[in-house]
Amino acid sequence: GMVFKGPHFSMDFYIREGDDVRIGGVDAFGIYYGFSNGKFIEARIMVKGIARFSVLKMSNTEKFGEPEKLPNMEYFLWGGKEALMELEYKEGIGQLRILNVPLFSEMVEKEGGKGY
């Protein structure tokens, strides 16, 4: 079942007990699921260390093509109309964030864009 981990802005985050915490051939230390008003908005997959982050980036690039990259940051973006993926590395932690674009946009609009 799902276990509540806490709120973040307008979303409630959960983990799923017994989740296989591997993605793209990489061991993750957590997969968090974000919901707003009962609707699934995003997933966040967390990995430790630059090596795991690099494998995750390579795996995503093979599957989805070259990402956009922000200058001077370890931040990569794969965009689409229905889903968006952000991959970021800072302070020893890599995070892959997968967003449902239409539902996220709807949530931000309802909240007036505060905190996003």
Protein backbone atom coordinates (compact mmCIF):
# COMPACT_ATOMS: atom_id res chain seq x y z
CA GLY A 1 0.00 0.00 0.00
CA MET A 2 0.86 3.67 -0.12
CA VAL A 3 2.42 5.39 2.90
CA PHE A 4 1.98 9.15 3.37
CA LYS A 5 5.34 10.97 3.64
CA GLY A 6 4.19 14.57 3.84
CA PRO A 7 2.92 17.63 1.99
CA HIS A 8 4.93 19.80 -0.40
CA PHE A 9 3.21 22.91 -1.78
CA SER A 10 -0.19 21.71 -3.04
CA MET A 11 0.76 18.04 -3.26
CA ASP A 12 0.76 15.14 -0.84
CA PHE A 13 3.68 12.74 -1.31
CA TYR A 14 3.60 9.00 -0.75
CA ILE A 15 5.92 6.04 -1.08
CA ARG A 16 4.68 2.60 -2.03
CA GLU A 17 5.64 -0.23 0.28
CA GLY A 18 7.63 -2.92 -1.50
CA ASP A 19 8.46 -0.68 -4.49
CA ASP A 20 11.28 -1.98 -6.68
CA VAL A 21 13.62 0.95 -6.29
CA ARG A 22 15.51 0.52 -9.56
CA ILE A 23 15.11 2.67 -12.64
CA GLY A 24 17.25 2.73 -15.76
CA GLY A 25 19.48 0.05 -14.24
CA VAL A 26 20.20 2.24 -11.19
CA ASP A 27 19.41 1.58 -7.53
CA ALA A 28 17.31 4.41 -6.13
CA PHE A 29 16.85 5.14 -2.46
CA GLY A 30 13.30 6.35 -2.88
CA ILE A 31 10.43 6.82 -5.28
CA TYR A 32 7.92 9.43 -4.20
CA TYR A 33 4.46 9.85 -5.74
CA GLY A 34 2.80 13.30 -5.68
CA PHE A 35 -0.96 13.75 -5.71
CA SER A 36 -3.18 16.84 -5.66
CA ASN A 37 -6.90 16.48 -4.99
CA GLY A 38 -6.61 12.74 -5.57
CA LYS A 39 -4.94 13.13 -8.98
CA PHE A 40 -1.47 11.74 -9.73
CA ILE A 41 0.73 14.71 -10.66
CA GLU A 42 4.34 13.55 -10.44
CA ALA A 43 6.88 10.95 -9.44
CA ARG A 44 10.33 11.71 -8.00
CA ILE A 45 13.07 9.11 -8.13
CA MET A 46 16.07 9.76 -5.88
CA VAL A 47 19.60 8.35 -6.37
CA LYS A 48 22.83 8.84 -4.42
CA GLY A 49 26.11 9.85 -6.04
CA ILE A 50 27.31 11.16 -9.38
CA ALA A 51 27.88 7.65 -10.81
CA ARG A 52 24.23 6.63 -10.42
CA PHE A 53 23.11 10.05 -11.66
CA SER A 54 25.29 9.68 -14.78
CA VAL A 55 23.87 6.22 -15.57
CA LEU A 56 20.34 7.57 -15.16
CA LYS A 57 21.13 10.49 -17.48
CA MET A 58 22.64 8.15 -20.09
CA SER A 59 19.64 5.79 -19.87
CA ASN A 60 17.15 8.66 -20.33
CA THR A 61 19.17 10.10 -23.23
CA GLU A 62 19.15 6.70 -24.99
CA LYS A 63 15.37 6.39 -24.55
CA PHE A 64 14.24 10.00 -25.05
CA GLY A 65 17.00 11.78 -26.99
CA GLU A 66 19.29 14.64 -26.03
CA PRO A 67 17.93 16.80 -23.22
CA GLU A 68 18.03 20.55 -22.85
CA LYS A 69 20.71 21.54 -20.34
CA LEU A 70 20.86 24.59 -18.13
CA PRO A 71 24.27 26.28 -18.15
CA ASN A 72 26.49 25.93 -15.09
CA MET A 73 24.18 23.35 -13.47
CA GLU A 74 23.70 19.62 -13.51
CA TYR A 75 20.12 20.04 -14.70
CA PHE A 76 18.61 18.34 -17.75
CA LEU A 77 15.13 18.58 -19.23
CA TRP A 78 13.14 16.35 -21.57
CA GLY A 79 9.91 18.15 -22.45
CA GLY A 80 6.63 17.13 -23.99
CA LYS A 81 2.99 18.17 -24.04
CA GLU A 82 1.80 15.34 -21.79
CA ALA A 83 4.90 14.57 -19.70
CA LEU A 84 8.02 16.41 -18.68
CA MET A 85 11.16 14.98 -17.09
CA GLU A 86 13.70 16.94 -15.09
CA LEU A 87 16.97 15.39 -13.98
CA GLU A 88 18.99 17.35 -11.46
CA TYR A 89 22.09 16.69 -9.36
CA LYS A 90 23.08 18.69 -6.30
CA GLU A 91 24.70 18.03 -2.96
CA GLY A 92 25.34 14.35 -3.75
CA ILE A 93 21.73 13.55 -4.69
CA GLY A 94 20.27 12.98 -8.15
CA GLN A 95 16.56 13.49 -8.65
CA LEU A 96 14.48 12.48 -11.66
CA ARG A 97 11.12 14.25 -11.61
CA ILE A 98 8.41 13.08 -14.01
CA LEU A 99 5.42 15.43 -14.33
CA ASN A 100 1.97 15.02 -15.81
CA VAL A 101 2.01 18.37 -17.64
CA PRO A 102 -1.76 18.96 -18.07
CA LEU A 103 -2.60 18.11 -14.43
CA PHE A 104 0.40 20.03 -13.06
CA SER A 105 -0.59 23.11 -15.11
CA GLU A 106 -4.17 22.82 -13.86
CA MET A 107 -2.96 22.59 -10.24
CA VAL A 108 -0.64 25.62 -10.62
CA GLU A 109 -3.43 27.64 -12.24
CA LYS A 110 -5.81 26.85 -9.35
CA GLU A 111 -3.14 27.84 -6.82
CA GLY A 112 -2.21 31.04 -8.64
CA GLY A 113 1.31 29.77 -9.35
CA LYS A 114 2.48 30.20 -5.76
CA GLY A 115 5.62 28.26 -4.85
CA TYR A 116 6.26 26.50 -8.15
